[in-house]
Amino acid sequence: MKALLYSIVAMVAISTGFAEGIDPILSPLPSDMEIAKHEGMLIASLQTSAETTPAVEAGRAAAAAAHRTLQAQEVLNDLGKQISDYYSLKGVFKLDFVRPWQPLKLPSENFELILSDYPGGGVSSAFLIQCKVVSEGVTIADLQLSLHAQLWQEVWGALSKLDRGQPLDSTMVALQKVNVLRDKQTYLSSDVDPSVYDMAQSVQAGHPLFKQDVVERPVVHKGQVVEVVARQGLFNVRMKALAMEDGGEKAIIKMRNLETRKDFNAQIINENQVEVHF
C-alpha cells in the first residue's frame, strides 16, 4: 500500500518538477500496518453503526407509540357499553355522533371515559351526554357530546291483516327486529305471550305490534257473576258479585255486591274468582 502511494506521489512530483522534494512529502505517510489498523477501525465503526440502526428504529417506534390518537369508534363503543349496562338494555345498542368527532392525542394506549351523568329520561333516539377523557391519570378533555341512538330488539309483528277484536295466537304473528327508539310508543316485545291478547285495533300485515294495538284477553267479562273472597287476616268471607268491567288475570276491576248494590274493587284470581283485601 505504501509503495503504491509512493509511486503515485513520485510521478506527480516529477511531472511538476518537484522530484527532489519527494521524501519530505512521503515521510508523514503511515506504514502499511498503521493503514490496515485504521481501515479495521473504520470497518468496525461502520459495522457497529449498522448493528445499532434497528435498535434506534425500535426506540423511535416506541416513542411514537407512546402518543396515539383516540378514534371515534373507540369512544362510541365505550359509551355504548356504559349506557347499555346502566339501563340494562336488551338487544343491540348503537350510537353515532351528531357532529364529526375530533380525534384526541393520548399520552399512552390506555384511556378511560368517565360519564358525568346519564340521560334523565332514559335512552331516546337523540340525547346529550357529558363525559371526560382520562389517560395516565390526566384529564385530556371535558366533552359534551350530542348522540344519535338505536336499540334493535325483537318484537311481534303481524303476518297478515289483524282485525279489531280478533283473538291473537302464535300462528298470526312472527318476530321481527326493529329499532324501538324510532317511535315513542311501546312495542309488543318478544318476552310476552301474544296468545293472551286480543286486537284492540286493526293492524296491516308486516307491521310490528304496539302495546296500544292489543288488549289483554279478559279472564272475567263484564256482566259475569263470580265468587268474591274477602280476606282479613285469617278471617274469610265468600259471596257472589257482578263484574262491572272486563279484566285479565291479576287485573283490578270494579265489582257490585248483589245484595247491597254497592260497588267495590277486587283483583281477579281466575275466571271464576276475585279477591278483596281489607
C-alpha atoms as a PDB file:
ATOM      1  CA  MET A   1       0.000   0.000   0.000  1.00  0.00           C
ATOM      2  CA  LYS A   2       2.791   2.390   0.939  1.00  0.00           C
ATOM      3  CA  ALA A   3       4.738   1.527  -2.256  1.00  0.00           C
ATOM      4  CA  LEU A   4       1.710   2.328  -4.358  1.00  0.00           C
ATOM      5  CA  LEU A   5       1.257   5.691  -2.684  1.00  0.00           C
ATOM      6  CA  TYR A   6       4.999   6.383  -3.084  1.00  0.00           C
ATOM      7  CA  SER A   7       4.854   5.714  -6.819  1.00  0.00           C
ATOM      8  CA  ILE A   8       1.830   7.985  -7.302  1.00  0.00           C
ATOM      9  CA  VAL A   9       3.405  10.857  -5.391  1.00  0.00           C
ATOM     10  CA  ALA A  10       6.719  10.393  -7.223  1.00  0.00           C
ATOM     11  CA  MET A  11       5.034  10.585 -10.610  1.00  0.00           C
ATOM     12  CA  VAL A  12       3.230  13.727  -9.592  1.00  0.00           C
ATOM     13  CA  ALA A  13       6.426  15.258  -8.250  1.00  0.00           C
ATOM     14  CA  ILE A  14       8.426  14.501 -11.409  1.00  0.00           C
ATOM     15  CA  SER A  15       5.750  15.848 -13.715  1.00  0.00           C
ATOM     16  CA  THR A  16       5.541  19.068 -11.741  1.00  0.00           C
ATOM     17  CA  GLY A  17       9.270  19.479 -11.224  1.00  0.00           C
ATOM     18  CA  PHE A  18       9.342  18.706  -7.519  1.00  0.00           C
ATOM     19  CA  ALA A  19      11.169  15.382  -7.706  1.00  0.00           C
ATOM     20  CA  GLU A  20      13.810  16.478  -5.196  1.00  0.00           C
ATOM     21  CA  GLY A  21      11.148  17.014  -2.548  1.00  0.00           C
ATOM     22  CA  ILE A  22       9.635  13.543  -2.662  1.00  0.00           C
ATOM     23  CA  ASP A  23      10.985  12.271   0.652  1.00  0.00           C
ATOM     24  CA  PRO A  24       9.676  15.193   2.727  1.00  0.00           C
ATOM     25  CA  ILE A  25       6.294  14.665   1.130  1.00  0.00           C
ATOM     26  CA  LEU A  26       6.226  10.919   1.736  1.00  0.00           C
ATOM     27  CA  SER A  27       7.787  10.926   5.172  1.00  0.00           C
ATOM     28  CA  PRO A  28       4.500  11.543   7.077  1.00  0.00           C
ATOM     29  CA  LEU A  29       2.711   8.641   5.351  1.00  0.00           C
ATOM     30  CA  PRO A  30       1.784   5.859   7.771  1.00  0.00           C
ATOM     31  CA  SER A  31       3.090   2.372   7.444  1.00  0.00           C
ATOM     32  CA  ASP A  32       1.038  -0.432   5.851  1.00  0.00           C
ATOM     33  CA  MET A  33       0.377  -1.795   9.322  1.00  0.00           C
ATOM     34  CA  GLU A  34      -0.950   1.552  10.505  1.00  0.00           C
ATOM     35  CA  ILE A  35      -3.133   1.935   7.408  1.00  0.00           C
ATOM     36  CA  ALA A  36      -4.574  -1.560   7.937  1.00  0.00           C
ATOM     37  CA  LYS A  37      -5.248  -0.670  11.538  1.00  0.00           C
ATOM     38  CA  HIS A  38      -7.175   2.438  10.545  1.00  0.00           C
ATOM     39  CA  GLU A  39      -9.060   0.504   7.914  1.00  0.00           C
ATOM     40  CA  GLY A  40     -10.105  -2.072  10.536  1.00  0.00           C
ATOM     41  CA  MET A  41     -11.267   0.641  12.888  1.00  0.00           C
ATOM     42  CA  LEU A  42     -13.317   2.232  10.110  1.00  0.00           C
ATOM     43  CA  ILE A  43     -14.921  -1.099   9.159  1.00  0.00           C
ATOM     44  CA  ALA A  44     -15.672  -1.878  12.802  1.00  0.00           C
ATOM     45  CA  SER A  45     -17.231   1.549  13.204  1.00  0.00           C
ATOM     46  CA  LEU A  46     -19.451   1.033  10.172  1.00  0.00           C
ATOM     47  CA  GLN A  47     -20.473  -2.429  11.429  1.00  0.00           C
ATOM     48  CA  THR A  48     -21.337  -1.031  14.860  1.00  0.00           C
ATOM     49  CA  SER A  49     -23.434   1.686  13.246  1.00  0.00           C
ATOM     50  CA  ALA A  50     -25.258  -0.898  11.126  1.00  0.00           C
ATOM     51  CA  GLU A  51     -25.867  -3.106  14.159  1.00  0.00           C
ATOM     52  CA  THR A  52     -27.372  -0.252  16.219  1.00  0.00           C
ATOM     53  CA  THR A  53     -29.686   1.001  13.480  1.00  0.00           C
ATOM     54  CA  PRO A  54     -32.545  -1.469  14.333  1.00  0.00           C
ATOM     55  CA  ALA A  55     -32.315  -0.501  17.986  1.00  0.00           C
ATOM     56  CA  VAL A  56     -32.551   3.162  17.090  1.00  0.00           C
ATOM     57  CA  GLU A  57     -35.528   2.463  14.880  1.00  0.00           C
ATOM     58  CA  ALA A  58     -37.184   0.428  17.641  1.00  0.00           C
ATOM     59  CA  GLY A  59     -36.668   3.292  20.057  1.00  0.00           C
ATOM     60  CA  ARG A  60     -38.236   5.722  17.654  1.00  0.00           C
ATOM     61  CA  ALA A  61     -41.190   3.367  17.132  1.00  0.00           C
ATOM     62  CA  ALA A  62     -41.664   3.038  20.890  1.00  0.00           C
ATOM     63  CA  ALA A  63     -41.585   6.799  21.251  1.00  0.00           C
ATOM     64  CA  ALA A  64     -44.172   7.153  18.501  1.00  0.00           C
ATOM     65  CA  ALA A  65     -46.418   4.510  20.101  1.00  0.00           C
ATOM     66  CA  ALA A  66     -46.406   6.361  23.395  1.00  0.00           C
ATOM     67  CA  HIS A  67     -48.629   9.004  21.778  1.00  0.00           C
ATOM     68  CA  ARG A  68     -51.706   7.741  19.935  1.00  0.00           C
ATOM     69  CA  THR A  69     -54.965   9.139  18.632  1.00  0.00           C
ATOM     70  CA  LEU A  70     -58.314   8.342  20.232  1.00  0.00           C
ATOM     71  CA  GLN A  71     -60.669   7.459  17.389  1.00  0.00           C
ATOM     72  CA  ALA A  72     -64.434   7.940  17.116  1.00  0.00           C
ATOM     73  CA  GLN A  73     -65.392   4.249  17.164  1.00  0.00           C
ATOM     74  CA  GLU A  74     -63.458   3.637  20.384  1.00  0.00           C
ATOM     75  CA  VAL A  75     -65.437   6.381  22.109  1.00  0.00           C
ATOM     76  CA  LEU A  76     -68.779   5.162  20.725  1.00  0.00           C
ATOM     77  CA  ASN A  77     -68.086   1.578  21.784  1.00  0.00           C
ATOM     78  CA  ASP A  78     -67.134   2.606  25.314  1.00  0.00           C
ATOM     79  CA  LEU A  79     -70.099   4.968  25.730  1.00  0.00           C
ATOM     80  CA  GLY A  80     -72.477   2.380  24.312  1.00  0.00           C
ATOM     81  CA  LYS A  81     -71.368  -0.279  26.793  1.00  0.00           C
ATOM     82  CA  GLN A  82     -71.594   2.053  29.789  1.00  0.00           C
ATOM     83  CA  ILE A  83     -75.061   3.347  28.873  1.00  0.00           C
ATOM     84  CA  SER A  84     -76.351  -0.125  27.984  1.00  0.00           C
ATOM     85  CA  ASP A  85     -75.137  -1.543  31.308  1.00  0.00           C
ATOM     86  CA  TYR A  86     -76.561   1.400  33.280  1.00  0.00           C
ATOM     87  CA  TYR A  87     -80.070   0.992  31.848  1.00  0.00           C
ATOM     88  CA  SER A  88     -79.866  -2.832  31.478  1.00  0.00           C
ATOM     89  CA  LEU A  89     -80.800  -2.528  27.828  1.00  0.00           C
ATOM     90  CA  LYS A  90     -81.767  -5.647  25.900  1.00  0.00           C
ATOM     91  CA  GLY A  91     -80.900  -6.008  22.240  1.00  0.00           C
ATOM     92  CA  VAL A  92     -78.245  -4.316  20.117  1.00  0.00           C
ATOM     93  CA  PHE A  93     -77.491  -0.730  21.186  1.00  0.00           C
ATOM     94  CA  LYS A  94     -75.755   1.563  18.692  1.00  0.00           C
ATOM     95  CA  LEU A  95     -74.507   5.150  18.950  1.00  0.00           C
ATOM     96  CA  ASP A  96     -73.392   7.754  16.418  1.00  0.00           C
ATOM     97  CA  PHE A  97     -72.129  11.307  16.773  1.00  0.00           C
ATOM     98  CA  VAL A  98     -74.398  14.121  15.586  1.00  0.00           C
ATOM     99  CA  ARG A  99     -71.306  16.179  14.792  1.00  0.00           C
ATOM    100  CA  PRO A 100     -67.993  14.773  13.494  1.00  0.00           C
ATOM    101  CA  TRP A 101     -65.621  13.509  16.183  1.00  0.00           C
ATOM    102  CA  GLN A 102     -62.378  15.445  16.600  1.00  0.00           C
ATOM    103  CA  PRO A 103     -59.562  12.923  17.286  1.00  0.00           C
ATOM    104  CA  LEU A 104     -57.705  13.344  20.588  1.00  0.00           C
ATOM    105  CA  LYS A 105     -53.984  12.743  21.177  1.00  0.00           C
ATOM    106  CA  LEU A 106     -53.301  10.484  24.148  1.00  0.00           C
ATOM    107  CA  PRO A 107     -50.046  10.068  26.101  1.00  0.00           C
ATOM    108  CA  SER A 108     -50.459   6.259  26.172  1.00  0.00           C
ATOM    109  CA  GLU A 109     -52.538   3.363  24.870  1.00  0.00           C
ATOM    110  CA  ASN A 110     -54.786   3.392  27.935  1.00  0.00           C
ATOM    111  CA  PHE A 111     -57.727   5.727  28.405  1.00  0.00           C
ATOM    112  CA  GLU A 112     -60.936   5.959  30.425  1.00  0.00           C
ATOM    113  CA  LEU A 113     -64.248   7.625  29.615  1.00  0.00           C
ATOM    114  CA  ILE A 114     -65.953   8.937  32.742  1.00  0.00           C
ATOM    115  CA  LEU A 115     -69.603   9.942  32.375  1.00  0.00           C
ATOM    116  CA  SER A 116     -70.733  12.893  34.477  1.00  0.00           C
ATOM    117  CA  ASP A 117     -74.387  11.887  34.232  1.00  0.00           C
ATOM    118  CA  TYR A 118     -76.852   9.788  32.266  1.00  0.00           C
ATOM    119  CA  PRO A 119     -79.937  10.897  30.287  1.00  0.00           C
ATOM    120  CA  GLY A 120     -82.559  11.693  32.926  1.00  0.00           C
ATOM    121  CA  GLY A 121     -85.491  10.452  30.862  1.00  0.00           C
ATOM    122  CA  GLY A 122     -83.708   7.283  29.816  1.00  0.00           C
ATOM    123  CA  VAL A 123     -82.333   6.434  26.398  1.00  0.00           C
ATOM    124  CA  SER A 124     -84.004   8.081  23.402  1.00  0.00           C
ATOM    125  CA  SER A 125     -83.179   8.423  19.711  1.00  0.00           C
ATOM    126  CA  ALA A 126     -81.167  11.616  20.404  1.00  0.00           C
ATOM    127  CA  PHE A 127     -79.640  12.948  23.619  1.00  0.00           C
ATOM    128  CA  LEU A 128     -76.733  14.898  25.125  1.00  0.00           C
ATOM    129  CA  ILE A 129     -74.169  13.445  27.460  1.00  0.00           C
ATOM    130  CA  GLN A 130     -71.227  14.899  29.370  1.00  0.00           C
ATOM    131  CA  CYS A 131     -68.026  12.978  29.961  1.00  0.00           C
ATOM    132  CA  LYS A 132     -64.283  13.374  30.278  1.00  0.00           C
ATOM    133  CA  VAL A 133     -61.387  11.504  28.733  1.00  0.00           C
ATOM    134  CA  VAL A 134     -58.649  10.487  31.196  1.00  0.00           C
ATOM    135  CA  SER A 135     -55.283   8.939  30.288  1.00  0.00           C
ATOM    136  CA  GLU A 136     -52.427   8.181  32.679  1.00  0.00           C
ATOM    137  CA  GLY A 137     -54.368   9.961  35.422  1.00  0.00           C
ATOM    138  CA  VAL A 138     -54.589  13.183  33.420  1.00  0.00           C
ATOM    139  CA  THR A 139     -57.858  14.668  32.116  1.00  0.00           C
ATOM    140  CA  ILE A 140     -57.305  15.079  28.392  1.00  0.00           C
ATOM    141  CA  ALA A 141     -60.682  16.653  27.571  1.00  0.00           C
ATOM    142  CA  ASP A 142     -64.070  17.559  29.068  1.00  0.00           C
ATOM    143  CA  LEU A 143     -66.738  16.829  26.474  1.00  0.00           C
ATOM    144  CA  GLN A 144     -70.411  17.440  25.841  1.00  0.00           C
ATOM    145  CA  LEU A 145     -71.482  15.002  23.144  1.00  0.00           C
ATOM    146  CA  SER A 146     -74.641  15.027  21.069  1.00  0.00           C
ATOM    147  CA  LEU A 147     -75.563  11.472  20.134  1.00  0.00           C
ATOM    148  CA  HIS A 148     -77.966   9.532  17.923  1.00  0.00           C
ATOM    149  CA  ALA A 149     -79.037   6.159  19.369  1.00  0.00           C
ATOM    150  CA  GLN A 150     -80.587   2.966  18.045  1.00  0.00           C
ATOM    151  CA  LEU A 151     -81.803  -0.019  20.051  1.00  0.00           C
ATOM    152  CA  TRP A 152     -82.593  -3.053  17.943  1.00  0.00           C
ATOM    153  CA  GLN A 153     -84.875  -5.604  19.596  1.00  0.00           C
ATOM    154  CA  GLU A 154     -87.128  -8.457  18.541  1.00  0.00           C
ATOM    155  CA  VAL A 155     -90.845  -7.608  18.677  1.00  0.00           C
ATOM    156  CA  TRP A 156     -94.049  -9.264  17.492  1.00  0.00           C
ATOM    157  CA  GLY A 157     -95.320  -8.344  14.038  1.00  0.00           C
ATOM    158  CA  ALA A 158     -98.462  -9.243  12.100  1.00  0.00           C
ATOM    159  CA  LEU A 159     -98.103 -11.983   9.480  1.00  0.00           C
ATOM    160  CA  SER A 160    -101.431 -11.000   7.932  1.00  0.00           C
ATOM    161  CA  LYS A 161    -104.021  -8.292   8.463  1.00  0.00           C
ATOM    162  CA  LEU A 162    -105.348  -8.404  12.036  1.00  0.00           C
ATOM    163  CA  ASP A 163    -108.811  -7.014  12.811  1.00  0.00           C
ATOM    164  CA  ARG A 164    -110.096  -5.309  15.924  1.00  0.00           C
ATOM    165  CA  GLY A 165    -111.478  -7.803  18.450  1.00  0.00           C
ATOM    166  CA  GLN A 166    -109.646 -10.727  16.884  1.00  0.00           C
ATOM    167  CA  PRO A 167    -108.012 -13.070  19.421  1.00  0.00           C
ATOM    168  CA  LEU A 168    -104.280 -13.454  18.856  1.00  0.00           C
ATOM    169  CA  ASP A 169    -102.374 -16.697  18.717  1.00  0.00           C
ATOM    170  CA  SER A 170     -98.813 -17.625  17.799  1.00  0.00           C
ATOM    171  CA  THR A 171     -99.713 -18.510  14.182  1.00  0.00           C
ATOM    172  CA  MET A 172    -100.739 -14.918  13.424  1.00  0.00           C
ATOM    173  CA  VAL A 173     -97.523 -13.211  14.428  1.00  0.00           C
ATOM    174  CA  ALA A 174     -93.775 -13.534  13.948  1.00  0.00           C
ATOM    175  CA  LEU A 175     -90.722 -11.911  15.480  1.00  0.00           C
ATOM    176  CA  GLN A 176     -89.028  -9.073  13.621  1.00  0.00           C
ATOM    177  CA  LYS A 177     -86.130  -6.792  14.553  1.00  0.00           C
ATOM    178  CA  VAL A 178     -86.875  -3.088  14.816  1.00  0.00           C
ATOM    179  CA  ASN A 179     -85.206  -0.002  16.221  1.00  0.00           C
ATOM    180  CA  VAL A 180     -87.503   0.501  19.208  1.00  0.00           C
ATOM    181  CA  LEU A 181     -86.218   4.063  19.764  1.00  0.00           C
ATOM    182  CA  ARG A 182     -87.635   5.321  16.472  1.00  0.00           C
ATOM    183  CA  ASP A 183     -91.163   5.547  17.978  1.00  0.00           C
ATOM    184  CA  LYS A 184     -92.339   6.846  21.319  1.00  0.00           C
ATOM    185  CA  GLN A 185     -94.896   4.054  21.571  1.00  0.00           C
ATOM    186  CA  THR A 186     -94.054   0.757  23.299  1.00  0.00           C
ATOM    187  CA  TYR A 187     -93.710  -2.306  21.109  1.00  0.00           C
ATOM    188  CA  LEU A 188     -95.108  -5.732  21.959  1.00  0.00           C
ATOM    189  CA  SER A 189     -91.803  -7.334  22.890  1.00  0.00           C
ATOM    190  CA  SER A 190     -90.713 -10.921  22.328  1.00  0.00           C
ATOM    191  CA  ASP A 191     -90.767 -11.751  26.054  1.00  0.00           C
ATOM    192  CA  VAL A 192     -94.592 -11.665  26.242  1.00  0.00           C
ATOM    193  CA  ASP A 193     -97.028 -14.351  25.135  1.00  0.00           C
ATOM    194  CA  PRO A 194     -99.133 -12.940  22.272  1.00  0.00           C
ATOM    195  CA  SER A 195    -101.832 -15.549  22.804  1.00  0.00           C
ATOM    196  CA  VAL A 196    -103.112 -13.765  25.937  1.00  0.00           C
ATOM    197  CA  TYR A 197    -104.121 -10.706  23.906  1.00  0.00           C
ATOM    198  CA  ASP A 198    -106.989  -9.634  21.665  1.00  0.00           C
ATOM    199  CA  MET A 199    -106.641  -6.982  18.999  1.00  0.00           C
ATOM    200  CA  ALA A 200    -107.730  -3.541  20.214  1.00  0.00           C
ATOM    201  CA  GLN A 201    -107.454  -2.102  16.699  1.00  0.00           C
ATOM    202  CA  SER A 202    -106.691  -3.288  13.190  1.00  0.00           C
ATOM    203  CA  VAL A 203    -103.075  -3.723  12.030  1.00  0.00           C
ATOM    204  CA  GLN A 204    -101.842  -4.318   8.493  1.00  0.00           C
ATOM    205  CA  ALA A 205     -99.708  -7.314   7.518  1.00  0.00           C
ATOM    206  CA  GLY A 206     -95.996  -6.894   8.154  1.00  0.00           C
ATOM    207  CA  HIS A 207     -96.411  -4.123  10.714  1.00  0.00           C
ATOM    208  CA  PRO A 208     -94.922  -4.504  14.207  1.00  0.00           C
ATOM    209  CA  LEU A 209     -97.416  -4.540  17.066  1.00  0.00           C
ATOM    210  CA  PHE A 210     -97.542  -1.799  19.681  1.00  0.00           C
ATOM    211  CA  LYS A 211     -98.922  -2.284  23.184  1.00  0.00           C
ATOM    212  CA  GLN A 212    -101.791   0.020  22.270  1.00  0.00           C
ATOM    213  CA  ASP A 213    -102.756  -2.315  19.387  1.00  0.00           C
ATOM    214  CA  VAL A 214    -103.706  -5.113  21.779  1.00  0.00           C
ATOM    215  CA  VAL A 215    -105.642  -5.605  24.953  1.00  0.00           C
ATOM    216  CA  GLU A 216    -105.183  -8.397  27.418  1.00  0.00           C
ATOM    217  CA  ARG A 217    -107.817 -11.059  26.843  1.00  0.00           C
ATOM    218  CA  PRO A 218    -110.393 -10.849  29.628  1.00  0.00           C
ATOM    219  CA  VAL A 219    -110.453 -13.595  32.209  1.00  0.00           C
ATOM    220  CA  VAL A 220    -113.595 -12.114  33.719  1.00  0.00           C
ATOM    221  CA  HIS A 221    -116.152 -10.402  31.470  1.00  0.00           C
ATOM    222  CA  LYS A 222    -118.455  -7.504  32.187  1.00  0.00           C
ATOM    223  CA  GLY A 223    -121.814  -8.785  33.478  1.00  0.00           C
ATOM    224  CA  GLN A 224    -120.346 -12.049  34.744  1.00  0.00           C
ATOM    225  CA  VAL A 225    -121.214 -13.204  38.262  1.00  0.00           C
ATOM    226  CA  VAL A 226    -118.175 -14.543  40.121  1.00  0.00           C
ATOM    227  CA  GLU A 227    -117.222 -15.538  43.636  1.00  0.00           C
ATOM    228  CA  VAL A 228    -115.668 -12.868  45.832  1.00  0.00           C
ATOM    229  CA  VAL A 229    -113.271 -13.879  48.603  1.00  0.00           C
ATOM    230  CA  ALA A 230    -112.874 -11.158  51.216  1.00  0.00           C
ATOM    231  CA  ARG A 231    -109.830 -11.679  53.441  1.00  0.00           C
ATOM    232  CA  GLN A 232    -108.843 -10.012  56.688  1.00  0.00           C
ATOM    233  CA  GLY A 233    -106.068 -11.910  58.426  1.00  0.00           C
ATOM    234  CA  LEU A 234    -107.335 -15.454  58.969  1.00  0.00           C
ATOM    235  CA  PHE A 235    -110.956 -14.366  58.515  1.00  0.00           C
ATOM    236  CA  ASN A 236    -112.524 -15.101  55.076  1.00  0.00           C
ATOM    237  CA  VAL A 237    -115.927 -14.151  53.726  1.00  0.00           C
ATOM    238  CA  ARG A 238    -117.304 -15.531  50.463  1.00  0.00           C
ATOM    239  CA  MET A 239    -120.113 -14.082  48.411  1.00  0.00           C
ATOM    240  CA  LYS A 240    -121.263 -13.524  44.852  1.00  0.00           C
ATOM    241  CA  ALA A 241    -120.783 -10.259  42.949  1.00  0.00           C
ATOM    242  CA  LEU A 242    -121.328  -8.848  39.477  1.00  0.00           C
ATOM    243  CA  ALA A 243    -118.358  -7.810  37.327  1.00  0.00           C
ATOM    244  CA  MET A 244    -118.846  -4.242  36.070  1.00  0.00           C
ATOM    245  CA  GLU A 245    -115.992  -4.420  33.533  1.00  0.00           C
ATOM    246  CA  ASP A 246    -113.725  -6.828  31.710  1.00  0.00           C
ATOM    247  CA  GLY A 247    -110.382  -7.749  33.202  1.00  0.00           C
ATOM    248  CA  GLY A 248    -107.396 -10.004  32.642  1.00  0.00           C
ATOM    249  CA  GLU A 249    -105.652 -12.164  35.206  1.00  0.00           C
ATOM    250  CA  LYS A 250    -104.494 -10.168  38.270  1.00  0.00           C
ATOM    251  CA  ALA A 251    -106.248  -7.062  36.964  1.00  0.00           C
ATOM    252  CA  ILE A 252    -108.215  -4.961  39.426  1.00  0.00           C
ATOM    253  CA  ILE A 253    -111.793  -4.402  38.275  1.00  0.00           C
ATOM    254  CA  LYS A 254    -114.984  -2.868  39.634  1.00  0.00           C
ATOM    255  CA  MET A 255    -117.474  -5.304  41.177  1.00  0.00           C
ATOM    256  CA  ARG A 256    -121.054  -4.832  42.512  1.00  0.00           C
ATOM    257  CA  ASN A 257    -122.479  -6.503  45.617  1.00  0.00           C
ATOM    258  CA  LEU A 258    -125.659  -8.297  44.535  1.00  0.00           C
ATOM    259  CA  GLU A 259    -127.429  -7.614  47.861  1.00  0.00           C
ATOM    260  CA  THR A 260    -126.335  -4.090  48.818  1.00  0.00           C
ATOM    261  CA  ARG A 261    -125.804  -2.896  45.200  1.00  0.00           C
ATOM    262  CA  LYS A 262    -122.633  -1.194  46.378  1.00  0.00           C
ATOM    263  CA  ASP A 263    -119.554  -1.158  44.134  1.00  0.00           C
ATOM    264  CA  PHE A 264    -116.045  -2.143  45.227  1.00  0.00           C
ATOM    265  CA  ASN A 265    -112.722  -3.077  43.633  1.00  0.00           C
ATOM    266  CA  ALA A 266    -111.311  -6.597  43.547  1.00  0.00           C
ATOM    267  CA  GLN A 267    -108.363  -8.365  41.991  1.00  0.00           C
ATOM    268  CA  ILE A 268    -109.013 -11.178  39.516  1.00  0.00           C
ATOM    269  CA  ILE A 269    -107.612 -14.533  40.618  1.00  0.00           C
ATOM    270  CA  ASN A 270    -109.059 -16.677  37.802  1.00  0.00           C
ATOM    271  CA  GLU A 271    -112.098 -16.764  35.515  1.00  0.00           C
ATOM    272  CA  ASN A 272    -114.440 -17.602  38.413  1.00  0.00           C
ATOM    273  CA  GLN A 273    -112.974 -15.789  41.393  1.00  0.00           C
ATOM    274  CA  VAL A 274    -111.865 -12.342  42.565  1.00  0.00           C
ATOM    275  CA  GLU A 275    -110.296 -11.312  45.861  1.00  0.00           C
ATOM    276  CA  VAL A 276    -110.630  -8.352  48.212  1.00  0.00           C
ATOM    277  CA  HIS A 277    -108.087  -7.494  50.920  1.00  0.00           C
ATOM    278  CA  PHE A 278    -109.059  -5.323  53.890  1.00  0.00           C
END
